Amino acid sequence: MSSSILKVAIFPDVNQWCALIGKDLQEGIAGFGDNPLQALKTLVEEIEKKGYSLIQTRKGIVFAIPKECNTKESGCGFGKVIF
């Protein structure tokens, strides 16, 4: 099982805010909004549209995992998303 930490970058982009996971807008997953919170909410929606689920742990870390992988024991890889 592989794991990687995916940091969320939040920055102004033209006339909106962008919340981005990944190297850039072409390769990553992004959400946009009128403020940083709205951009994060849109990012969560985009993550789910791509077939991932967000699961919060007791330590407050959120994992983005494929929807078919309900647990870490399933053998699927997962990524720690740091908000």
PDB file of N, CA and C in Angstrom:
ATOM      1  N   MET A   1       0.865  -1.171   0.000  1.00  0.00           N
ATOM      2  CA  MET A   1       0.000   0.000   0.000  1.00  0.00           C
ATOM      3  C   MET A   1       0.906   1.227   0.000  1.00  0.00           C
ATOM      4  N   SER A   2       0.650   2.146  -0.885  1.00  0.00           N
ATOM      5  CA  SER A   2       1.467   3.357  -0.953  1.00  0.00           C
ATOM      6  C   SER A   2       0.725   4.533  -0.320  1.00  0.00           C
ATOM      7  N   SER A   3       1.499   5.525   0.131  1.00  0.00           N
ATOM      8  CA  SER A   3       0.925   6.710   0.744  1.00  0.00           C
ATOM      9  C   SER A   3       1.744   7.916   0.343  1.00  0.00           C
ATOM     10  N   SER A   4       1.079   9.024   0.136  1.00  0.00           N
ATOM     11  CA  SER A   4       1.787  10.264  -0.166  1.00  0.00           C
ATOM     12  C   SER A   4       1.022  11.426   0.449  1.00  0.00           C
ATOM     13  N   ILE A   5       1.780  12.459   0.849  1.00  0.00           N
ATOM     14  CA  ILE A   5       1.149  13.642   1.412  1.00  0.00           C
ATOM     15  C   ILE A   5       0.873  14.625   0.290  1.00  0.00           C
ATOM     16  N   LEU A   6      -0.358  15.066   0.198  1.00  0.00           N
ATOM     17  CA  LEU A   6      -0.776  16.014  -0.826  1.00  0.00           C
ATOM     18  C   LEU A   6      -1.132  17.324  -0.141  1.00  0.00           C
ATOM     19  N   LYS A   7      -0.359  18.347  -0.367  1.00  0.00           N
ATOM     20  CA  LYS A   7      -0.639  19.631   0.258  1.00  0.00           C
ATOM     21  C   LYS A   7      -1.617  20.424  -0.603  1.00  0.00           C
ATOM     22  N   VAL A   8      -2.483  21.138   0.061  1.00  0.00           N
ATOM     23  CA  VAL A   8      -3.440  21.996  -0.631  1.00  0.00           C
ATOM     24  C   VAL A   8      -2.841  23.401  -0.699  1.00  0.00           C
ATOM     25  N   ALA A   9      -2.685  23.902  -1.902  1.00  0.00           N
ATOM     26  CA  ALA A   9      -2.221  25.280  -2.110  1.00  0.00           C
ATOM     27  C   ALA A   9      -3.450  26.157  -2.319  1.00  0.00           C
ATOM     28  N   ILE A  10      -3.515  27.275  -1.613  1.00  0.00           N
ATOM     29  CA  ILE A  10      -4.631  28.223  -1.759  1.00  0.00           C
ATOM     30  C   ILE A  10      -4.035  29.558  -2.167  1.00  0.00           C
ATOM     31  N   PHE A  11      -4.509  30.090  -3.297  1.00  0.00           N
ATOM     32  CA  PHE A  11      -3.936  31.327  -3.825  1.00  0.00           C
ATOM     33  C   PHE A  11      -4.947  32.056  -4.704  1.00  0.00           C
ATOM     34  N   PRO A  12      -4.783  33.389  -4.850  1.00  0.00           N
ATOM     35  CA  PRO A  12      -5.665  34.126  -5.759  1.00  0.00           C
ATOM     36  C   PRO A  12      -5.303  33.792  -7.207  1.00  0.00           C
ATOM     37  N   ASP A  13      -6.314  33.631  -8.047  1.00  0.00           N
ATOM     38  CA  ASP A  13      -6.126  33.321  -9.459  1.00  0.00           C
ATOM     39  C   ASP A  13      -7.068  34.212 -10.264  1.00  0.00           C
ATOM     40  N   VAL A  14      -6.530  35.231 -10.871  1.00  0.00           N
ATOM     41  CA  VAL A  14      -7.270  36.245 -11.611  1.00  0.00           C
ATOM     42  C   VAL A  14      -8.288  36.893 -10.661  1.00  0.00           C
ATOM     43  N   ASN A  15      -9.593  36.609 -10.839  1.00  0.00           N
ATOM     44  CA  ASN A  15     -10.608  37.256 -10.002  1.00  0.00           C
ATOM     45  C   ASN A  15     -11.263  36.301  -8.999  1.00  0.00           C
ATOM     46  N   GLN A  16     -10.671  35.101  -8.802  1.00  0.00           N
ATOM     47  CA  GLN A  16     -11.185  34.135  -7.837  1.00  0.00           C
ATOM     48  C   GLN A  16     -10.032  33.551  -7.034  1.00  0.00           C
ATOM     49  N   TRP A  17     -10.371  32.803  -5.997  1.00  0.00           N
ATOM     50  CA  TRP A  17      -9.396  32.053  -5.240  1.00  0.00           C
ATOM     51  C   TRP A  17      -9.350  30.628  -5.778  1.00  0.00           C
ATOM     52  N   CYS A  18      -8.176  30.013  -5.710  1.00  0.00           N
ATOM     53  CA  CYS A  18      -7.989  28.635  -6.159  1.00  0.00           C
ATOM     54  C   CYS A  18      -7.463  27.806  -5.002  1.00  0.00           C
ATOM     55  N   ALA A  19      -8.013  26.603  -4.822  1.00  0.00           N
ATOM     56  CA  ALA A  19      -7.486  25.596  -3.894  1.00  0.00           C
ATOM     57  C   ALA A  19      -7.046  24.422  -4.766  1.00  0.00           C
ATOM     58  N   LEU A  20      -5.774  24.100  -4.715  1.00  0.00           N
ATOM     59  CA  LEU A  20      -5.191  23.139  -5.652  1.00  0.00           C
ATOM     60  C   LEU A  20      -4.450  22.036  -4.914  1.00  0.00           C
ATOM     61  N   ILE A  21      -4.708  20.801  -5.318  1.00  0.00           N
ATOM     62  CA  ILE A  21      -3.904  19.648  -4.919  1.00  0.00           C
ATOM     63  C   ILE A  21      -3.193  19.198  -6.184  1.00  0.00           C
ATOM     64  N   GLY A  22      -1.886  19.124  -6.126  1.00  0.00           N
ATOM     65  CA  GLY A  22      -1.125  18.671  -7.283  1.00  0.00           C
ATOM     66  C   GLY A  22      -0.136  19.712  -7.765  1.00  0.00           C
ATOM     67  N   LYS A  23       0.591  19.332  -8.802  1.00  0.00           N
ATOM     68  CA  LYS A  23       1.675  20.150  -9.354  1.00  0.00           C
ATOM     69  C   LYS A  23       1.179  21.443  -9.983  1.00  0.00           C
ATOM     70  N   ASP A  24       0.111  21.351 -10.762  1.00  0.00           N
ATOM     71  CA  ASP A  24      -0.429  22.523 -11.453  1.00  0.00           C
ATOM     72  C   ASP A  24      -1.885  22.257 -11.832  1.00  0.00           C
ATOM     73  N   LEU A  25      -2.517  23.251 -12.474  1.00  0.00           N
ATOM     74  CA  LEU A  25      -3.943  23.113 -12.819  1.00  0.00           C
ATOM     75  C   LEU A  25      -4.198  22.015 -13.849  1.00  0.00           C
ATOM     76  N   GLN A  26      -3.212  21.700 -14.676  1.00  0.00           N
ATOM     77  CA  GLN A  26      -3.396  20.665 -15.696  1.00  0.00           C
ATOM     78  C   GLN A  26      -3.332  19.255 -15.099  1.00  0.00           C
ATOM     79  N   GLU A  27      -2.445  19.054 -14.120  1.00  0.00           N
ATOM     80  CA  GLU A  27      -2.246  17.716 -13.571  1.00  0.00           C
ATOM     81  C   GLU A  27      -2.952  17.489 -12.233  1.00  0.00           C
ATOM     82  N   GLY A  28      -3.324  18.554 -11.546  1.00  0.00           N
ATOM     83  CA  GLY A  28      -3.913  18.426 -10.216  1.00  0.00           C
ATOM     84  C   GLY A  28      -5.432  18.488 -10.234  1.00  0.00           C
ATOM     85  N   ILE A  29      -5.987  18.618  -9.040  1.00  0.00           N
ATOM     86  CA  ILE A  29      -7.424  18.807  -8.857  1.00  0.00           C
ATOM     87  C   ILE A  29      -7.590  20.162  -8.194  1.00  0.00           C
ATOM     88  N   ALA A  30      -8.477  20.988  -8.734  1.00  0.00           N
ATOM     89  CA  ALA A  30      -8.633  22.354  -8.222  1.00  0.00           C
ATOM     90  C   ALA A  30     -10.091  22.691  -7.987  1.00  0.00           C
ATOM     91  N   GLY A  31     -10.280  23.626  -7.053  1.00  0.00           N
ATOM     92  CA  GLY A  31     -11.589  24.204  -6.795  1.00  0.00           C
ATOM     93  C   GLY A  31     -11.443  25.712  -6.770  1.00  0.00           C
ATOM     94  N   PHE A  32     -12.452  26.417  -7.234  1.00  0.00           N
ATOM     95  CA  PHE A  32     -12.411  27.876  -7.310  1.00  0.00           C
ATOM     96  C   PHE A  32     -13.597  28.470  -6.558  1.00  0.00           C
ATOM     97  N   GLY A  33     -13.390  29.677  -6.028  1.00  0.00           N
ATOM     98  CA  GLY A  33     -14.468  30.355  -5.329  1.00  0.00           C
ATOM     99  C   GLY A  33     -14.142  31.818  -5.108  1.00  0.00           C
ATOM    100  N   ASP A  34     -15.135  32.551  -4.614  1.00  0.00           N
ATOM    101  CA  ASP A  34     -14.963  33.982  -4.365  1.00  0.00           C
ATOM    102  C   ASP A  34     -14.086  34.270  -3.151  1.00  0.00           C
ATOM    103  N   ASN A  35     -13.857  33.249  -2.307  1.00  0.00           N
ATOM    104  CA  ASN A  35     -12.994  33.392  -1.136  1.00  0.00           C
ATOM    105  C   ASN A  35     -12.318  32.041  -0.899  1.00  0.00           C
ATOM    106  N   PRO A  36     -11.300  31.985  -0.021  1.00  0.00           N
ATOM    107  CA  PRO A  36     -10.594  30.722   0.200  1.00  0.00           C
ATOM    108  C   PRO A  36     -11.492  29.577   0.669  1.00  0.00           C
ATOM    109  N   LEU A  37     -12.453  29.856   1.545  1.00  0.00           N
ATOM    110  CA  LEU A  37     -13.345  28.803   2.034  1.00  0.00           C
ATOM    111  C   LEU A  37     -14.186  28.219   0.896  1.00  0.00           C
ATOM    112  N   GLN A  38     -14.720  29.074   0.042  1.00  0.00           N
ATOM    113  CA  GLN A  38     -15.514  28.584  -1.090  1.00  0.00           C
ATOM    114  C   GLN A  38     -14.645  27.769  -2.049  1.00  0.00           C
ATOM    115  N   ALA A  39     -13.399  28.181  -2.235  1.00  0.00           N
ATOM    116  CA  ALA A  39     -12.485  27.425  -3.094  1.00  0.00           C
ATOM    117  C   ALA A  39     -12.234  26.033  -2.516  1.00  0.00           C
ATOM    118  N   LEU A  40     -12.067  25.936  -1.182  1.00  0.00           N
ATOM    119  CA  LEU A  40     -11.884  24.632  -0.542  1.00  0.00           C
ATOM    120  C   LEU A  40     -13.127  23.758  -0.676  1.00  0.00           C
ATOM    121  N   LYS A  41     -14.303  24.349  -0.513  1.00  0.00           N
ATOM    122  CA  LYS A  41     -15.548  23.588  -0.664  1.00  0.00           C
ATOM    123  C   LYS A  41     -15.671  23.041  -2.088  1.00  0.00           C
ATOM    124  N   THR A  42     -15.324  23.862  -3.059  1.00  0.00           N
ATOM    125  CA  THR A  42     -15.386  23.421  -4.449  1.00  0.00           C
ATOM    126  C   THR A  42     -14.343  22.341  -4.726  1.00  0.00           C
ATOM    127  N   LEU A  43     -13.165  22.464  -4.094  1.00  0.00           N
ATOM    128  CA  LEU A  43     -12.133  21.434  -4.234  1.00  0.00           C
ATOM    129  C   LEU A  43     -12.651  20.088  -3.737  1.00  0.00           C
ATOM    130  N   VAL A  44     -13.329  20.071  -2.601  1.00  0.00           N
ATOM    131  CA  VAL A  44     -13.900  18.832  -2.064  1.00  0.00           C
ATOM    132  C   VAL A  44     -14.886  18.237  -3.066  1.00  0.00           C
ATOM    133  N   GLU A  45     -15.731  19.060  -3.654  1.00  0.00           N
ATOM    134  CA  GLU A  45     -16.688  18.581  -4.663  1.00  0.00           C
ATOM    135  C   GLU A  45     -15.956  17.976  -5.855  1.00  0.00           C
ATOM    136  N   GLU A  46     -14.875  18.624  -6.302  1.00  0.00           N
ATOM    137  CA  GLU A  46     -14.106  18.129  -7.446  1.00  0.00           C
ATOM    138  C   GLU A  46     -13.398  16.815  -7.112  1.00  0.00           C
ATOM    139  N   ILE A  47     -12.880  16.697  -5.882  1.00  0.00           N
ATOM    140  CA  ILE A  47     -12.247  15.447  -5.455  1.00  0.00           C
ATOM    141  C   ILE A  47     -13.260  14.314  -5.529  1.00  0.00           C
ATOM    142  N   GLU A  48     -14.479  14.557  -5.052  1.00  0.00           N
ATOM    143  CA  GLU A  48     -15.514  13.533  -5.079  1.00  0.00           C
ATOM    144  C   GLU A  48     -15.952  13.209  -6.511  1.00  0.00           C
ATOM    145  N   LYS A  49     -16.003  14.209  -7.391  1.00  0.00           N
ATOM    146  CA  LYS A  49     -16.344  13.956  -8.799  1.00  0.00           C
ATOM    147  C   LYS A  49     -15.322  13.053  -9.476  1.00  0.00           C
ATOM    148  N   LYS A  50     -14.062  13.122  -9.022  1.00  0.00           N
ATOM    149  CA  LYS A  50     -12.989  12.304  -9.606  1.00  0.00           C
ATOM    150  C   LYS A  50     -13.008  10.877  -9.076  1.00  0.00           C
ATOM    151  N   GLY A  51     -13.954  10.573  -8.174  1.00  0.00           N
ATOM    152  CA  GLY A  51     -14.083   9.212  -7.681  1.00  0.00           C
ATOM    153  C   GLY A  51     -13.373   8.942  -6.380  1.00  0.00           C
ATOM    154  N   TYR A  52     -13.063   9.990  -5.616  1.00  0.00           N
ATOM    155  CA  TYR A  52     -12.407   9.825  -4.326  1.00  0.00           C
ATOM    156  C   TYR A  52     -13.365  10.194  -3.196  1.00  0.00           C
ATOM    157  N   SER A  53     -13.113   9.618  -2.037  1.00  0.00           N
ATOM    158  CA  SER A  53     -13.864   9.950  -0.828  1.00  0.00           C
ATOM    159  C   SER A  53     -12.921  10.612   0.155  1.00  0.00           C
ATOM    160  N   LEU A  54     -13.432  11.510   0.977  1.00  0.00           N
ATOM    161  CA  LEU A  54     -12.640  12.135   2.030  1.00  0.00           C
ATOM    162  C   LEU A  54     -13.045  11.524   3.361  1.00  0.00           C
ATOM    163  N   ILE A  55     -12.070  11.050   4.111  1.00  0.00           N
ATOM    164  CA  ILE A  55     -12.333  10.405   5.386  1.00  0.00           C
ATOM    165  C   ILE A  55     -11.465  11.069   6.443  1.00  0.00           C
ATOM    166  N   GLN A  56     -12.081  11.548   7.511  1.00  0.00           N
ATOM    167  CA  GLN A  56     -11.339  12.187   8.585  1.00  0.00           C
ATOM    168  C   GLN A  56     -10.937  11.151   9.616  1.00  0.00           C
ATOM    169  N   THR A  57      -9.689  11.239  10.075  1.00  0.00           N
ATOM    170  CA  THR A  57      -9.207  10.331  11.105  1.00  0.00           C
ATOM    171  C   THR A  57      -9.292  10.994  12.465  1.00  0.00           C
ATOM    172  N   ARG A  58      -8.979  10.246  13.508  1.00  0.00           N
ATOM    173  CA  ARG A  58      -8.975  10.799  14.861  1.00  0.00           C
ATOM    174  C   ARG A  58      -7.929  11.888  15.030  1.00  0.00           C
ATOM    175  N   LYS A  59      -6.874  11.858  14.252  1.00  0.00           N
ATOM    176  CA  LYS A  59      -5.815  12.854  14.348  1.00  0.00           C
ATOM    177  C   LYS A  59      -6.146  14.115  13.553  1.00  0.00           C
ATOM    178  N   GLY A  60      -7.274  14.136  12.866  1.00  0.00           N
ATOM    179  CA  GLY A  60      -7.686  15.309  12.111  1.00  0.00           C
ATOM    180  C   GLY A  60      -7.160  15.348  10.701  1.00  0.00           C
ATOM    181  N   ILE A  61      -6.414  14.336  10.279  1.00  0.00           N
ATOM    182  CA  ILE A  61      -5.909  14.273   8.912  1.00  0.00           C
ATOM    183  C   ILE A  61      -7.022  13.714   8.033  1.00  0.00           C
ATOM    184  N   VAL A  62      -7.142  14.227   6.858  1.00  0.00           N
ATOM    185  CA  VAL A  62      -8.178  13.772   5.934  1.00  0.00           C
ATOM    186  C   VAL A  62      -7.508  12.988   4.813  1.00  0.00           C
ATOM    187  N   PHE A  63      -8.053  11.827   4.515  1.00  0.00           N
ATOM    188  CA  PHE A  63      -7.517  10.997   3.457  1.00  0.00           C
ATOM    189  C   PHE A  63      -8.404  11.093   2.216  1.00  0.00           C
ATOM    190  N   ALA A  64      -7.784  11.202   1.060  1.00  0.00           N
ATOM    191  CA  ALA A  64      -8.507  11.088  -0.199  1.00  0.00           C
ATOM    192  C   ALA A  64      -8.214   9.690  -0.734  1.00  0.00           C
ATOM    193  N   ILE A  65      -9.243   8.856  -0.811  1.00  0.00           N
ATOM    194  CA  ILE A  65      -9.040   7.490  -1.270  1.00  0.00           C
ATOM    195  C   ILE A  65     -10.073   7.162  -2.347  1.00  0.00           C
ATOM    196  N   PRO A  66      -9.733   6.245  -3.256  1.00  0.00           N
ATOM    197  CA  PRO A  66     -10.740   5.825  -4.235  1.00  0.00           C
ATOM    198  C   PRO A  66     -11.973   5.301  -3.523  1.00  0.00           C
ATOM    199  N   LYS A  67     -13.154   5.610  -4.049  1.00  0.00           N
ATOM    200  CA  LYS A  67     -14.406   5.224  -3.392  1.00  0.00           C
ATOM    201  C   LYS A  67     -14.525   3.711  -3.200  1.00  0.00           C
ATOM    202  N   GLU A  68     -13.894   2.920  -4.078  1.00  0.00           N
ATOM    203  CA  GLU A  68     -13.994   1.470  -3.934  1.00  0.00           C
ATOM    204  C   GLU A  68     -13.109   0.948  -2.801  1.00  0.00           C
ATOM    205  N   CYS A  69     -12.265   1.792  -2.239  1.00  0.00           N
ATOM    206  CA  CYS A  69     -11.385   1.410  -1.131  1.00  0.00           C
ATOM    207  C   CYS A  69     -11.922   2.035   0.149  1.00  0.00           C
ATOM    208  N   ASN A  70     -12.724   1.306   0.881  1.00  0.00           N
ATOM    209  CA  ASN A  70     -13.347   1.873   2.076  1.00  0.00           C
ATOM    210  C   ASN A  70     -12.441   1.878   3.295  1.00  0.00           C
ATOM    211  N   THR A  71     -11.386   1.058   3.284  1.00  0.00           N
ATOM    212  CA  THR A  71     -10.479   1.008   4.429  1.00  0.00           C
ATOM    213  C   THR A  71      -9.046   0.915   3.938  1.00  0.00           C
ATOM    214  N   LYS A  72      -8.112   1.254   4.814  1.00  0.00           N
ATOM    215  CA  LYS A  72      -6.698   1.119   4.468  1.00  0.00           C
ATOM    216  C   LYS A  72      -6.339  -0.354   4.278  1.00  0.00           C
ATOM    217  N   GLU A  73      -7.061  -1.274   4.918  1.00  0.00           N
ATOM    218  CA  GLU A  73      -6.782  -2.696   4.825  1.00  0.00           C
ATOM    219  C   GLU A  73      -7.170  -3.289   3.469  1.00  0.00           C
ATOM    220  N   SER A  74      -7.860  -2.537   2.631  1.00  0.00           N
ATOM    221  CA  SER A  74      -8.330  -3.059   1.346  1.00  0.00           C
ATOM    222  C   SER A  74      -7.194  -3.275   0.358  1.00  0.00           C
ATOM    223  N   GLY A  75      -6.000  -2.751   0.657  1.00  0.00           N
ATOM    224  CA  GLY A  75      -4.879  -2.920  -0.259  1.00  0.00           C
ATOM    225  C   GLY A  75      -4.737  -1.780  -1.249  1.00  0.00           C
ATOM    226  N   CYS A  76      -5.640  -0.834  -1.242  1.00  0.00           N
ATOM    227  CA  CYS A  76      -5.553   0.312  -2.134  1.00  0.00           C
ATOM    228  C   CYS A  76      -4.620   1.359  -1.546  1.00  0.00           C
ATOM    229  N   GLY A  77      -3.998   2.144  -2.405  1.00  0.00           N
ATOM    230  CA  GLY A  77      -3.178   3.253  -1.938  1.00  0.00           C
ATOM    231  C   GLY A  77      -4.059   4.413  -1.477  1.00  0.00           C
ATOM    232  N   PHE A  78      -3.471   5.312  -0.713  1.00  0.00           N
ATOM    233  CA  PHE A  78      -4.226   6.458  -0.243  1.00  0.00           C
ATOM    234  C   PHE A  78      -3.273   7.629  -0.101  1.00  0.00           C
ATOM    235  N   GLY A  79      -3.804   8.820  -0.034  1.00  0.00           N
ATOM    236  CA  GLY A  79      -2.987  10.005   0.156  1.00  0.00           C
ATOM    237  C   GLY A  79      -3.497  10.828   1.329  1.00  0.00           C
ATOM    238  N   LYS A  80      -2.583  11.362   2.103  1.00  0.00           N
ATOM    239  CA  LYS A  80      -2.963  12.252   3.203  1.00  0.00           C
ATOM    240  C   LYS A  80      -3.117  13.653   2.640  1.00  0.00           C
ATOM    241  N   VAL A  81      -4.275  14.223   2.799  1.00  0.00           N
ATOM    242  CA  VAL A  81      -4.526  15.583   2.316  1.00  0.00           C
ATOM    243  C   VAL A  81      -4.456  16.515   3.515  1.00  0.00           C
ATOM    244  N   ILE A  82      -3.550  17.460   3.486  1.00  0.00           N
ATOM    245  CA  ILE A  82      -3.354  18.373   4.598  1.00  0.00           C
ATOM    246  C   ILE A  82      -4.074  19.672   4.297  1.00  0.00           C
ATOM    247  N   PHE A  83      -5.121  19.993   5.088  1.00  0.00           N
ATOM    248  CA  PHE A  83      -5.859  21.238   4.919  1.00  0.00           C
ATOM    249  C   PHE A  83      -5.323  22.266   5.881  1.00  0.00           C
TER     250      PHE A  83
END
